[in-house]
Every structure is written in C-alpha cells, then in structure tokens.
Amino acid sequence: MLEEFFLPRINELDQGDIWFQQDGATVHTSRASMAVLRKHFPERLISIRGDLSGQPVLPICPLVIFYLWDI
C-alpha cells in the first residue's frame, strides 16, 4: 500500500523535504514498513521506531492535552 498508493501521491506533491509522522500501532512499525519509510523519508520520520520519537516529551502535561491537540 505504501509503495503502490501513498508514496506516488507524495512524489506528485513535489514539496521538497516532507516529514512523515505516524502513530505507534505495531502494524505501522513493522520492519518492512519502516524500511520503506526510512528510504523515502531519510532522517525525517517521526515514529516510535523512527528517526525522531513520536512520544510526548513533556511528562508534566496531562494526557488529555495531547488528545485534544490531536483533534
């Protein structure tokens, strides 16, 4: 799905260096998926197993703030 649908659409945008952020679902962070994403988004992948961690970095903020921020 990544290589057949998503990445061709991203390449059509021609927006330069695009950062990619995903949730931490284990199906999205499989070795195969991460290899494809790292190839197309080198050093611009925000994920639990990516170049930048997608976990909150402010432990003092309640979880509800991150939930509302995502809406």
Protein backbone atom coordinates (compact mmCIF):
# COMPACT_ATOMS: atom_id res chain seq x y z
CA MET A 1 0.00 0.00 0.00
CA LEU A 2 2.83 2.41 0.83
CA GLU A 3 4.69 1.84 -2.41
CA GLU A 4 1.65 1.50 -4.66
CA PHE A 5 -0.60 4.27 -3.37
CA PHE A 6 0.87 6.59 -0.74
CA LEU A 7 4.40 7.28 -1.99
CA PRO A 8 3.41 8.02 -5.62
CA ARG A 9 0.93 10.63 -4.33
CA ILE A 10 3.58 12.18 -2.08
CA ASN A 11 6.01 12.34 -5.01
CA GLU A 12 3.38 14.18 -7.07
CA LEU A 13 3.32 16.98 -4.50
CA ASP A 14 6.97 17.92 -5.16
CA GLN A 15 7.15 19.84 -1.89
CA GLY A 16 10.83 19.22 -1.16
CA ASP A 17 11.72 17.69 2.19
CA ILE A 18 8.49 16.32 3.62
CA TRP A 19 8.44 14.98 7.18
CA PHE A 20 6.36 11.89 7.87
CA GLN A 21 4.67 11.27 11.23
CA GLN A 22 2.74 8.15 12.15
CA ASP A 23 1.08 6.60 15.15
CA GLY A 24 2.70 3.85 17.14
CA ALA A 25 0.49 0.97 16.03
CA THR A 26 2.66 -2.13 15.73
CA VAL A 27 1.38 -2.90 12.25
CA HIS A 28 2.68 0.51 11.11
CA THR A 29 6.11 -0.02 12.65
CA SER A 30 6.95 -3.42 11.18
CA ARG A 31 10.47 -3.81 9.80
CA ALA A 32 9.21 -3.85 6.22
CA SER A 33 7.11 -0.69 6.64
CA MET A 34 9.86 1.17 8.47
CA ALA A 35 12.44 0.22 5.81
CA VAL A 36 10.24 1.70 3.07
CA LEU A 37 9.54 4.85 5.07
CA ARG A 38 13.21 5.37 6.01
CA LYS A 39 14.17 5.05 2.34
CA HIS A 40 11.71 7.76 1.26
CA PHE A 41 11.93 9.98 4.36
CA PRO A 42 15.60 9.82 5.44
CA GLU A 43 16.06 11.48 8.84
CA ARG A 44 12.51 12.89 8.53
CA LEU A 45 10.49 10.06 10.08
CA ILE A 46 8.62 10.74 13.33
CA SER A 47 7.55 7.45 14.87
CA ILE A 48 8.14 5.31 17.93
CA ARG A 49 10.79 3.40 15.94
CA GLY A 50 11.70 6.27 13.63
CA ASP A 51 14.42 8.91 13.49
CA LEU A 52 12.56 11.09 15.99
CA SER A 53 10.42 9.61 18.72
CA GLY A 54 6.73 10.33 18.38
CA GLN A 55 6.17 10.04 22.13
CA PRO A 56 5.29 13.15 24.13
CA VAL A 57 8.35 14.86 25.57
CA LEU A 58 6.53 16.88 28.23
CA PRO A 59 5.74 14.47 31.08
CA ILE A 60 4.08 17.23 33.11
CA CYS A 61 1.28 17.67 30.56
CA PRO A 62 -1.76 15.54 31.20
CA LEU A 63 -2.69 13.00 28.55
CA VAL A 64 -5.89 14.92 27.79
CA ILE A 65 -3.84 17.81 26.36
CA PHE A 66 -2.24 15.52 23.79
CA TYR A 67 -5.65 14.04 22.99
CA LEU A 68 -7.20 17.47 22.43
CA TRP A 69 -4.15 18.63 20.47
CA ASP A 70 -4.72 15.75 18.03
CA ILE A 71 -8.36 16.65 17.30
